[in-house]
Amino acid sequence: MTDVAEGEAPLAGVLAALEATAHPFGLFLAVDLPFVPEALLRHLVGLASEGDAVVPATAQGPEPLCAVYSRACAAAMRRRVEAKDWRMTSFWSEVNVRIVAADELRRFGDPGRVFLNLNTRENYKAALRLAGSATTG
């Protein structure tokens, strides 16, 4: 499977996966979110019937790369990709989005830790400290 707009953005990758699958939805998790617990992922999948997209949101905003997207999102995603609007939220106005709010997310851990994104060397060092404290404490 290749992205519909190779190298452009995660939206193109999610679209390619949705168009390639026979399943009604897919669970998507960015590789730079190392602390998302399996229980949260199972919870998101369990909510799949509640929206075309099921997306966690913290006080810092939505986490669109830790989400469930149904095939019903594909047409809207394709229109955004063709318009070169690569934002993961660009198609949301055209689909039913079930937001999983911070109060619902807290049972899976501190959202600040759960959604710690590893984009910088400092993020990586912080993640190592957190991982070390989780195994030693």
N, C-alpha and C. Protein backbone atom coordinates (compact mmCIF):
# COMPACT_ATOMS: atom_id res chain seq x y z
N MET A 1 0.85 -1.16 0.00
CA MET A 1 0.00 0.00 0.00
C MET A 1 0.90 1.22 0.00
N THR A 2 0.56 2.21 -0.80
CA THR A 2 1.31 3.46 -0.80
C THR A 2 0.35 4.61 -0.52
N ASP A 3 0.91 5.68 0.02
CA ASP A 3 0.09 6.86 0.30
C ASP A 3 -0.44 7.43 -1.00
N VAL A 4 -1.62 8.03 -0.94
CA VAL A 4 -2.21 8.63 -2.13
C VAL A 4 -1.50 9.91 -2.53
N ALA A 5 -0.78 10.51 -1.63
CA ALA A 5 0.02 11.70 -1.92
C ALA A 5 1.36 11.47 -1.22
N GLU A 6 2.15 10.63 -1.77
CA GLU A 6 3.36 10.12 -1.14
C GLU A 6 4.21 11.21 -0.50
N GLY A 7 4.53 11.00 0.78
CA GLY A 7 5.42 11.89 1.49
C GLY A 7 4.80 13.20 1.94
N GLU A 8 3.55 13.40 1.68
CA GLU A 8 2.95 14.70 1.99
C GLU A 8 2.56 14.88 3.45
N ALA A 9 1.83 13.94 4.01
CA ALA A 9 1.34 14.14 5.37
C ALA A 9 0.67 12.89 5.90
N PRO A 10 0.52 12.81 7.22
CA PRO A 10 -0.17 11.66 7.80
C PRO A 10 -1.58 11.46 7.25
N LEU A 11 -2.26 12.55 6.91
CA LEU A 11 -3.62 12.41 6.37
C LEU A 11 -3.63 11.51 5.14
N ALA A 12 -2.65 11.64 4.28
CA ALA A 12 -2.58 10.81 3.08
C ALA A 12 -2.36 9.34 3.44
N GLY A 13 -1.58 9.08 4.48
CA GLY A 13 -1.35 7.71 4.93
C GLY A 13 -2.60 7.09 5.52
N VAL A 14 -3.32 7.85 6.32
CA VAL A 14 -4.57 7.35 6.91
C VAL A 14 -5.57 7.06 5.79
N LEU A 15 -5.67 7.96 4.85
CA LEU A 15 -6.58 7.76 3.72
C LEU A 15 -6.22 6.50 2.95
N ALA A 16 -4.94 6.31 2.66
CA ALA A 16 -4.52 5.11 1.91
C ALA A 16 -4.90 3.85 2.67
N ALA A 17 -4.71 3.85 3.98
CA ALA A 17 -5.06 2.67 4.78
C ALA A 17 -6.56 2.42 4.76
N LEU A 18 -7.35 3.47 4.91
CA LEU A 18 -8.80 3.29 4.91
C LEU A 18 -9.30 2.78 3.56
N GLU A 19 -8.70 3.28 2.48
CA GLU A 19 -9.12 2.83 1.15
C GLU A 19 -8.67 1.41 0.85
N ALA A 20 -7.64 0.95 1.54
CA ALA A 20 -7.10 -0.39 1.28
C ALA A 20 -7.73 -1.48 2.14
N THR A 21 -8.37 -1.08 3.22
CA THR A 21 -8.89 -2.09 4.14
C THR A 21 -10.32 -2.51 3.80
N ALA A 22 -10.63 -3.73 4.11
CA ALA A 22 -12.00 -4.22 3.96
C ALA A 22 -12.78 -4.01 5.26
N HIS A 23 -12.07 -3.62 6.31
CA HIS A 23 -12.70 -3.42 7.61
C HIS A 23 -13.46 -2.09 7.63
N PRO A 24 -14.47 -1.97 8.47
CA PRO A 24 -15.25 -0.73 8.50
C PRO A 24 -14.51 0.45 9.11
N PHE A 25 -13.46 0.18 9.88
CA PHE A 25 -12.70 1.27 10.48
C PHE A 25 -11.27 0.81 10.74
N GLY A 26 -10.42 1.79 11.06
CA GLY A 26 -9.04 1.48 11.41
C GLY A 26 -8.63 2.26 12.65
N LEU A 27 -7.74 1.68 13.42
CA LEU A 27 -7.16 2.34 14.58
C LEU A 27 -5.80 2.85 14.16
N PHE A 28 -5.55 4.12 14.38
CA PHE A 28 -4.30 4.75 13.95
C PHE A 28 -3.58 5.34 15.15
N LEU A 29 -2.28 5.05 15.24
CA LEU A 29 -1.46 5.54 16.34
C LEU A 29 -0.11 5.97 15.78
N ALA A 30 0.25 7.21 16.01
CA ALA A 30 1.54 7.73 15.57
C ALA A 30 2.66 7.00 16.31
N VAL A 31 3.75 6.79 15.63
CA VAL A 31 4.88 6.07 16.22
C VAL A 31 5.60 6.88 17.29
N ASP A 32 5.35 8.18 17.35
CA ASP A 32 6.04 9.01 18.34
C ASP A 32 5.19 9.27 19.59
N LEU A 33 4.24 8.38 19.86
CA LEU A 33 3.43 8.43 21.08
C LEU A 33 3.65 7.14 21.87
N PRO A 34 4.79 7.03 22.58
CA PRO A 34 5.16 5.75 23.19
C PRO A 34 4.39 5.37 24.45
N PHE A 35 3.64 6.30 25.04
CA PHE A 35 3.00 5.99 26.32
C PHE A 35 1.49 5.78 26.23
N VAL A 36 0.96 5.66 25.05
CA VAL A 36 -0.48 5.42 24.91
C VAL A 36 -0.75 3.98 25.34
N PRO A 37 -1.56 3.78 26.39
CA PRO A 37 -1.79 2.42 26.88
C PRO A 37 -2.76 1.64 26.00
N GLU A 38 -2.54 0.34 25.97
CA GLU A 38 -3.40 -0.55 25.21
C GLU A 38 -4.87 -0.39 25.62
N ALA A 39 -5.11 -0.18 26.90
CA ALA A 39 -6.49 -0.03 27.39
C ALA A 39 -7.18 1.16 26.73
N LEU A 40 -6.46 2.25 26.50
CA LEU A 40 -7.04 3.40 25.83
C LEU A 40 -7.37 3.06 24.38
N LEU A 41 -6.47 2.37 23.71
CA LEU A 41 -6.72 1.98 22.32
C LEU A 41 -7.96 1.09 22.23
N ARG A 42 -8.08 0.15 23.15
CA ARG A 42 -9.27 -0.71 23.19
C ARG A 42 -10.53 0.11 23.43
N HIS A 43 -10.43 1.12 24.29
CA HIS A 43 -11.57 1.99 24.57
C HIS A 43 -11.99 2.74 23.30
N LEU A 44 -11.03 3.28 22.57
CA LEU A 44 -11.34 4.00 21.33
C LEU A 44 -12.05 3.08 20.33
N VAL A 45 -11.54 1.87 20.19
CA VAL A 45 -12.17 0.90 19.28
C VAL A 45 -13.58 0.59 19.76
N GLY A 46 -13.76 0.47 21.06
CA GLY A 46 -15.08 0.21 21.61
C GLY A 46 -16.09 1.32 21.34
N LEU A 47 -15.60 2.52 21.08
CA LEU A 47 -16.46 3.66 20.78
C LEU A 47 -16.68 3.87 19.28
N ALA A 48 -16.13 2.99 18.46
CA ALA A 48 -16.16 3.18 17.01
C ALA A 48 -17.56 3.38 16.44
N SER A 49 -18.55 2.79 17.05
CA SER A 49 -19.92 2.93 16.54
C SER A 49 -20.53 4.30 16.88
N GLU A 50 -19.84 5.10 17.69
CA GLU A 50 -20.38 6.39 18.11
C GLU A 50 -20.00 7.55 17.20
N GLY A 51 -19.24 7.29 16.17
CA GLY A 51 -18.87 8.37 15.25
C GLY A 51 -18.10 7.83 14.06
N ASP A 52 -17.96 8.67 13.05
CA ASP A 52 -17.13 8.31 11.90
C ASP A 52 -15.66 8.36 12.29
N ALA A 53 -15.37 9.23 13.26
CA ALA A 53 -14.02 9.35 13.82
C ALA A 53 -14.16 9.41 15.33
N VAL A 54 -13.27 8.74 16.04
CA VAL A 54 -13.24 8.77 17.50
C VAL A 54 -11.86 9.27 17.88
N VAL A 55 -11.81 10.47 18.47
CA VAL A 55 -10.55 11.16 18.68
C VAL A 55 -10.43 11.67 20.12
N PRO A 56 -9.35 11.30 20.81
CA PRO A 56 -9.11 11.86 22.14
C PRO A 56 -8.75 13.34 22.03
N ALA A 57 -9.13 14.10 23.06
CA ALA A 57 -8.76 15.52 23.11
C ALA A 57 -8.42 15.90 24.54
N THR A 58 -7.29 16.55 24.69
CA THR A 58 -6.84 17.03 26.00
C THR A 58 -6.98 18.56 26.03
N ALA A 59 -6.55 19.16 27.11
CA ALA A 59 -6.57 20.62 27.19
C ALA A 59 -5.69 21.24 26.11
N GLN A 60 -4.70 20.49 25.62
CA GLN A 60 -3.81 20.99 24.57
C GLN A 60 -4.42 20.83 23.17
N GLY A 61 -5.54 20.13 23.06
CA GLY A 61 -6.20 19.96 21.77
C GLY A 61 -6.39 18.50 21.41
N PRO A 62 -6.90 18.26 20.22
CA PRO A 62 -7.17 16.88 19.79
C PRO A 62 -5.89 16.12 19.49
N GLU A 63 -6.00 14.81 19.58
CA GLU A 63 -4.90 13.89 19.26
C GLU A 63 -5.32 13.06 18.04
N PRO A 64 -5.33 13.67 16.85
CA PRO A 64 -5.86 12.99 15.67
C PRO A 64 -5.01 11.84 15.15
N LEU A 65 -3.81 11.64 15.71
CA LEU A 65 -3.00 10.50 15.30
C LEU A 65 -2.98 9.42 16.38
N CYS A 66 -4.00 9.46 17.22
CA CYS A 66 -4.31 8.38 18.16
C CYS A 66 -5.82 8.28 18.11
N ALA A 67 -6.32 7.68 17.05
CA ALA A 67 -7.76 7.77 16.80
C ALA A 67 -8.26 6.59 15.97
N VAL A 68 -9.56 6.47 15.97
CA VAL A 68 -10.24 5.50 15.11
C VAL A 68 -10.93 6.29 14.01
N TYR A 69 -10.72 5.88 12.76
CA TYR A 69 -11.40 6.49 11.63
C TYR A 69 -12.12 5.40 10.86
N SER A 70 -13.37 5.68 10.52
CA SER A 70 -14.13 4.71 9.74
C SER A 70 -13.95 5.00 8.25
N ARG A 71 -14.32 4.03 7.45
CA ARG A 71 -14.24 4.20 6.00
C ARG A 71 -15.14 5.35 5.54
N ALA A 72 -16.13 5.72 6.36
CA ALA A 72 -17.01 6.84 6.03
C ALA A 72 -16.24 8.16 5.94
N CYS A 73 -15.05 8.22 6.50
CA CYS A 73 -14.22 9.42 6.44
C CYS A 73 -13.44 9.54 5.12
N ALA A 74 -13.32 8.46 4.39
CA ALA A 74 -12.42 8.42 3.24
C ALA A 74 -12.73 9.48 2.18
N ALA A 75 -13.98 9.64 1.82
CA ALA A 75 -14.32 10.60 0.76
C ALA A 75 -13.95 12.03 1.19
N ALA A 76 -14.28 12.38 2.42
CA ALA A 76 -13.94 13.72 2.92
C ALA A 76 -12.43 13.89 3.00
N MET A 77 -11.72 12.85 3.44
CA MET A 77 -10.25 12.92 3.49
C MET A 77 -9.68 13.12 2.09
N ARG A 78 -10.21 12.37 1.13
CA ARG A 78 -9.71 12.47 -0.25
C ARG A 78 -9.89 13.90 -0.77
N ARG A 79 -11.03 14.51 -0.49
CA ARG A 79 -11.24 15.89 -0.95
C ARG A 79 -10.20 16.82 -0.33
N ARG A 80 -9.86 16.63 0.93
CA ARG A 80 -8.87 17.48 1.59
C ARG A 80 -7.48 17.23 1.02
N VAL A 81 -7.14 15.98 0.77
CA VAL A 81 -5.84 15.66 0.18
C VAL A 81 -5.73 16.27 -1.21
N GLU A 82 -6.77 16.13 -2.01
CA GLU A 82 -6.74 16.70 -3.36
C GLU A 82 -6.64 18.21 -3.33
N ALA A 83 -7.17 18.84 -2.28
CA ALA A 83 -7.06 20.29 -2.13
C ALA A 83 -5.75 20.70 -1.45
N LYS A 84 -4.91 19.69 -1.14
CA LYS A 84 -3.62 19.90 -0.47
C LYS A 84 -3.79 20.56 0.90
N ASP A 85 -4.89 20.23 1.57
CA ASP A 85 -5.12 20.66 2.94
C ASP A 85 -4.78 19.46 3.81
N TRP A 86 -3.56 19.42 4.33
CA TRP A 86 -3.01 18.24 4.98
C TRP A 86 -3.35 18.12 6.46
N ARG A 87 -4.05 19.09 7.02
CA ARG A 87 -4.35 19.04 8.45
C ARG A 87 -5.21 17.81 8.76
N MET A 88 -4.88 17.10 9.81
CA MET A 88 -5.63 15.91 10.20
C MET A 88 -7.06 16.25 10.61
N THR A 89 -7.32 17.48 10.92
CA THR A 89 -8.67 17.90 11.31
C THR A 89 -9.44 18.55 10.16
N SER A 90 -8.83 18.65 9.00
CA SER A 90 -9.42 19.40 7.89
C SER A 90 -10.76 18.86 7.41
N PHE A 91 -10.99 17.59 7.55
CA PHE A 91 -12.21 16.96 7.03
C PHE A 91 -13.30 16.80 8.09
N TRP A 92 -13.01 17.18 9.32
CA TRP A 92 -13.92 16.92 10.44
C TRP A 92 -15.30 17.54 10.27
N SER A 93 -15.38 18.67 9.59
CA SER A 93 -16.68 19.33 9.43
C SER A 93 -17.61 18.51 8.54
N GLU A 94 -17.07 17.51 7.83
CA GLU A 94 -17.87 16.71 6.91
C GLU A 94 -18.25 15.34 7.48
N VAL A 95 -17.78 15.02 8.68
CA VAL A 95 -18.06 13.71 9.28
C VAL A 95 -18.50 13.90 10.73
N ASN A 96 -18.98 12.82 11.32
CA ASN A 96 -19.38 12.83 12.72
C ASN A 96 -18.17 12.43 13.57
N VAL A 97 -17.68 13.38 14.35
CA VAL A 97 -16.50 13.14 15.18
C VAL A 97 -16.94 12.97 16.64
N ARG A 98 -16.57 11.85 17.22
CA ARG A 98 -16.82 11.58 18.64
C ARG A 98 -15.54 11.96 19.39
N ILE A 99 -15.58 13.06 20.11
CA ILE A 99 -14.43 13.49 20.90
C ILE A 99 -14.44 12.74 22.23
N VAL A 100 -13.30 12.19 22.60
CA VAL A 100 -13.13 11.57 23.90
C VAL A 100 -12.41 12.62 24.76
N ALA A 101 -13.18 13.23 25.65
CA ALA A 101 -12.70 14.39 26.41
C ALA A 101 -11.72 13.99 27.51
N ALA A 102 -10.98 14.99 27.99
CA ALA A 102 -9.93 14.78 28.98
C ALA A 102 -10.45 14.07 30.23
N ASP A 103 -11.66 14.40 30.69
CA ASP A 103 -12.17 13.75 31.90
C ASP A 103 -12.38 12.26 31.69
N GLU A 104 -12.74 11.87 30.48
CA GLU A 104 -12.89 10.44 30.14
C GLU A 104 -11.52 9.77 29.97
N LEU A 105 -10.54 10.54 29.53
CA LEU A 105 -9.20 10.01 29.28
C LEU A 105 -8.40 9.77 30.56
N ARG A 106 -8.71 10.51 31.60
CA ARG A 106 -7.91 10.44 32.84
C ARG A 106 -7.83 9.04 33.43
N ARG A 107 -8.83 8.23 33.19
CA ARG A 107 -8.79 6.88 33.77
C ARG A 107 -7.69 6.03 33.14
N PHE A 108 -7.12 6.49 32.04
CA PHE A 108 -6.03 5.77 31.37
C PHE A 108 -4.66 6.34 31.71
N GLY A 109 -4.64 7.33 32.58
CA GLY A 109 -3.38 7.94 32.99
C GLY A 109 -3.40 9.44 32.77
N ASP A 110 -2.35 10.07 33.21
CA ASP A 110 -2.20 11.51 33.04
C ASP A 110 -2.11 11.82 31.54
N PRO A 111 -3.07 12.57 30.99
CA PRO A 111 -3.03 12.86 29.55
C PRO A 111 -1.73 13.49 29.08
N GLY A 112 -1.08 14.27 29.94
CA GLY A 112 0.21 14.87 29.58
C GLY A 112 1.27 13.83 29.32
N ARG A 113 1.22 12.75 30.07
CA ARG A 113 2.16 11.64 29.86
C ARG A 113 1.69 10.73 28.73
N VAL A 114 0.41 10.38 28.75
CA VAL A 114 -0.14 9.46 27.76
C VAL A 114 0.15 9.96 26.34
N PHE A 115 0.01 11.27 26.14
CA PHE A 115 0.17 11.83 24.79
C PHE A 115 1.49 12.59 24.63
N LEU A 116 2.49 12.24 25.45
CA LEU A 116 3.81 12.83 25.28
C LEU A 116 4.34 12.46 23.90
N ASN A 117 4.58 13.48 23.11
CA ASN A 117 4.98 13.30 21.72
C ASN A 117 6.49 13.47 21.61
N LEU A 118 7.15 12.54 20.96
CA LEU A 118 8.61 12.58 20.85
C LEU A 118 9.04 13.23 19.53
N ASN A 119 9.12 14.54 19.56
CA ASN A 119 9.55 15.28 18.36
C ASN A 119 10.95 15.86 18.48
N THR A 120 11.45 15.94 19.71
CA THR A 120 12.76 16.56 19.91
C THR A 120 13.62 15.68 20.80
N ARG A 121 14.90 15.99 20.84
CA ARG A 121 15.82 15.27 21.73
C ARG A 121 15.38 15.44 23.19
N GLU A 122 14.89 16.63 23.53
CA GLU A 122 14.42 16.89 24.89
C GLU A 122 13.20 16.01 25.21
N ASN A 123 12.28 15.87 24.25
CA ASN A 123 11.12 14.99 24.44
C ASN A 123 11.59 13.56 24.69
N TYR A 124 12.58 13.14 23.93
CA TYR A 124 13.11 11.78 24.06
C TYR A 124 13.72 11.57 25.45
N LYS A 125 14.50 12.54 25.90
CA LYS A 125 15.12 12.44 27.22
C LYS A 125 14.05 12.40 28.32
N ALA A 126 13.02 13.21 28.17
CA ALA A 126 11.92 13.21 29.14
C ALA A 126 11.22 11.85 29.14
N ALA A 127 11.04 11.26 27.97
CA ALA A 127 10.40 9.96 27.86
C ALA A 127 11.24 8.88 28.54
N LEU A 128 12.54 8.96 28.38
CA LEU A 128 13.41 7.98 29.04
C LEU A 128 13.30 8.09 30.55
N ARG A 129 13.25 9.33 31.05
CA ARG A 129 13.09 9.52 32.50
C ARG A 129 11.75 8.95 32.97
N LEU A 130 10.69 9.24 32.22
CA LEU A 130 9.37 8.72 32.59
C LEU A 130 9.33 7.20 32.54
N ALA A 131 9.91 6.63 31.52
CA ALA A 131 9.93 5.17 31.39
C ALA A 131 10.73 4.56 32.53
N GLY A 132 11.84 5.18 32.90
CA GLY A 132 12.66 4.69 34.00
C GLY A 132 11.93 4.76 35.32
N SER A 133 11.18 5.85 35.54
CA SER A 133 10.45 5.97 36.80
C SER A 133 9.29 4.99 36.85
N ALA A 134 8.74 4.63 35.71
CA ALA A 134 7.63 3.67 35.68
C ALA A 134 8.13 2.26 36.01
N THR A 135 9.36 1.95 35.62
CA THR A 135 9.87 0.60 35.87
C THR A 135 10.54 0.46 37.23
N THR A 136 11.00 1.60 37.78
CA THR A 136 11.69 1.51 39.07
C THR A 136 10.82 1.93 40.24
N GLY A 137 9.72 2.59 39.97
CA GLY A 137 8.97 3.13 41.08
C GLY A 137 7.65 2.55 41.26
